[in-house]
C-alpha atoms as a PDB file:
ATOM      1  CA  UNK A   1       0.231  -0.004  -0.397  1.00  0.00           C
ATOM      2  CA  UNK A   2       1.040   3.085  -0.947  1.00  0.00           C
ATOM      3  CA  UNK A   3       0.556   6.887   0.501  1.00  0.00           C
ATOM      4  CA  UNK A   4       0.148  10.193  -1.347  1.00  0.00           C
ATOM      5  CA  UNK A   5       0.702  13.179  -0.134  1.00  0.00           C
ATOM      6  CA  UNK A   6      -2.797  15.407   0.175  1.00  0.00           C
ATOM      7  CA  UNK A   7      -1.323  18.441   1.788  1.00  0.00           C
ATOM      8  CA  UNK A   8       1.196  20.292   2.538  1.00  0.00           C
ATOM      9  CA  UNK A   9       0.958  22.481   6.047  1.00  0.00           C
ATOM     10  CA  UNK A  10       3.010  24.765   7.075  1.00  0.00           C
ATOM     11  CA  UNK A  11       2.165  24.770  10.654  1.00  0.00           C
ATOM     12  CA  UNK A  12       2.646  21.593  12.518  1.00  0.00           C
ATOM     13  CA  UNK A  13      -0.169  22.026  15.239  1.00  0.00           C
ATOM     14  CA  UNK A  14      -2.414  22.686  12.282  1.00  0.00           C
ATOM     15  CA  UNK A  15      -0.700  19.448  10.453  1.00  0.00           C
ATOM     16  CA  UNK A  16      -1.743  17.629  13.310  1.00  0.00           C
ATOM     17  CA  UNK A  17      -5.434  19.032  13.894  1.00  0.00           C
ATOM     18  CA  UNK A  18      -5.833  17.889  10.336  1.00  0.00           C
ATOM     19  CA  UNK A  19      -4.922  14.487  10.991  1.00  0.00           C
ATOM     20  CA  UNK A  20      -6.512  14.366  14.313  1.00  0.00           C
ATOM     21  CA  UNK A  21      -9.839  15.393  11.551  1.00  0.00           C
ATOM     22  CA  UNK A  22      -9.066  13.089   8.402  1.00  0.00           C
ATOM     23  CA  UNK A  23      -9.159   9.915  10.894  1.00  0.00           C
ATOM     24  CA  UNK A  24     -12.323  11.204  12.847  1.00  0.00           C
ATOM     25  CA  UNK A  25     -14.024  10.773   9.379  1.00  0.00           C
ATOM     26  CA  UNK A  26     -12.392   7.247   8.652  1.00  0.00           C
ATOM     27  CA  UNK A  27      -9.134   8.295   6.968  1.00  0.00           C
ATOM     28  CA  UNK A  28      -5.932   6.491   7.759  1.00  0.00           C
ATOM     29  CA  UNK A  29      -3.513   9.607   7.879  1.00  0.00           C
ATOM     30  CA  UNK A  30       0.323   8.792   8.604  1.00  0.00           C
ATOM     31  CA  UNK A  31       1.119   9.909  11.970  1.00  0.00           C
ATOM     32  CA  UNK A  32       3.910  12.367  12.475  1.00  0.00           C
ATOM     33  CA  UNK A  33       6.696   9.629  13.330  1.00  0.00           C
ATOM     34  CA  UNK A  34       5.653   7.127  10.757  1.00  0.00           C
ATOM     35  CA  UNK A  35       7.187   6.797   7.355  1.00  0.00           C
ATOM     36  CA  UNK A  36      10.622   7.888   8.466  1.00  0.00           C
ATOM     37  CA  UNK A  37      14.050   5.939   9.057  1.00  0.00           C
ATOM     38  CA  UNK A  38      13.998   3.717  12.053  1.00  0.00           C
ATOM     39  CA  UNK A  39      14.989   6.214  14.922  1.00  0.00           C
ATOM     40  CA  UNK A  40      15.170   9.182  13.139  1.00  0.00           C
ATOM     41  CA  UNK A  41      11.247  11.372  13.038  1.00  0.00           C
ATOM     42  CA  UNK A  42       9.893  12.044   9.627  1.00  0.00           C
ATOM     43  CA  UNK A  43      11.188  15.355   8.961  1.00  0.00           C
ATOM     44  CA  UNK A  44       9.402  18.120   6.854  1.00  0.00           C
ATOM     45  CA  UNK A  45      10.921  20.187   4.735  1.00  0.00           C
ATOM     46  CA  UNK A  46      10.932  23.998   3.182  1.00  0.00           C
ATOM     47  CA  UNK A  47       7.412  23.477   2.454  1.00  0.00           C
ATOM     48  CA  UNK A  48       6.045  22.331   5.404  1.00  0.00           C
ATOM     49  CA  UNK A  49       4.417  19.281   6.776  1.00  0.00           C
ATOM     50  CA  UNK A  50       3.406  16.716   4.395  1.00  0.00           C
ATOM     51  CA  UNK A  51      -0.132  14.899   5.245  1.00  0.00           C
ATOM     52  CA  UNK A  52      -0.208  11.478   3.480  1.00  0.00           C
ATOM     53  CA  UNK A  53      -2.810   8.565   3.350  1.00  0.00           C
ATOM     54  CA  UNK A  54      -3.319   5.884   1.752  1.00  0.00           C
ATOM     55  CA  UNK A  55      -3.039   5.993  -2.322  1.00  0.00           C
ATOM     56  CA  UNK A  56      -6.671   4.207  -2.239  1.00  0.00           C
ATOM     57  CA  UNK A  57      -8.325   6.979  -0.160  1.00  0.00           C
ATOM     58  CA  UNK A  58      -6.448  10.198  -1.390  1.00  0.00           C
ATOM     59  CA  UNK A  59      -8.978  11.761  -3.517  1.00  0.00           C
ATOM     60  CA  UNK A  60     -11.922  11.967  -0.792  1.00  0.00           C
ATOM     61  CA  UNK A  61      -9.293  12.739   1.742  1.00  0.00           C
ATOM     62  CA  UNK A  62      -7.930  15.917  -0.354  1.00  0.00           C
ATOM     63  CA  UNK A  63     -11.608  17.088  -0.648  1.00  0.00           C
ATOM     64  CA  UNK A  64     -11.587  16.813   2.914  1.00  0.00           C
ATOM     65  CA  UNK A  65      -8.100  18.295   3.955  1.00  0.00           C
ATOM     66  CA  UNK A  66      -9.057  21.136   1.469  1.00  0.00           C
ATOM     67  CA  UNK A  67     -12.132  21.933   2.930  1.00  0.00           C
ATOM     68  CA  UNK A  68     -10.817  21.507   6.940  1.00  0.00           C
ATOM     69  CA  UNK A  69      -7.803  23.736   5.796  1.00  0.00           C
ATOM     70  CA  UNK A  70     -10.087  26.535   4.444  1.00  0.00           C
ATOM     71  CA  UNK A  71     -11.927  26.304   7.783  1.00  0.00           C
ATOM     72  CA  UNK A  72      -9.196  26.319   9.828  1.00  0.00           C
ATOM     73  CA  UNK A  73      -7.151  29.001   8.004  1.00  0.00           C
ATOM     74  CA  UNK A  74      -9.975  31.506   7.836  1.00  0.00           C
ATOM     75  CA  UNK A  75     -10.563  31.744   4.013  1.00  0.00           C
END
């Protein structure tokens, strides 16, 4: 099962809230420490924290993530 990035979130706190919200809606996003090398936390780059879900969930999760981020950012 492969994972796909559905969002790049600059604020790590908002990324954590997004992951929790996706889980509450039945999706299976990677946790902040998942997906890295053993003993090394999953680091994020200049675009922020990547939020990833299984490829099979990516289309629906992307729609929800966009709506949730829009609400959280007040746009």
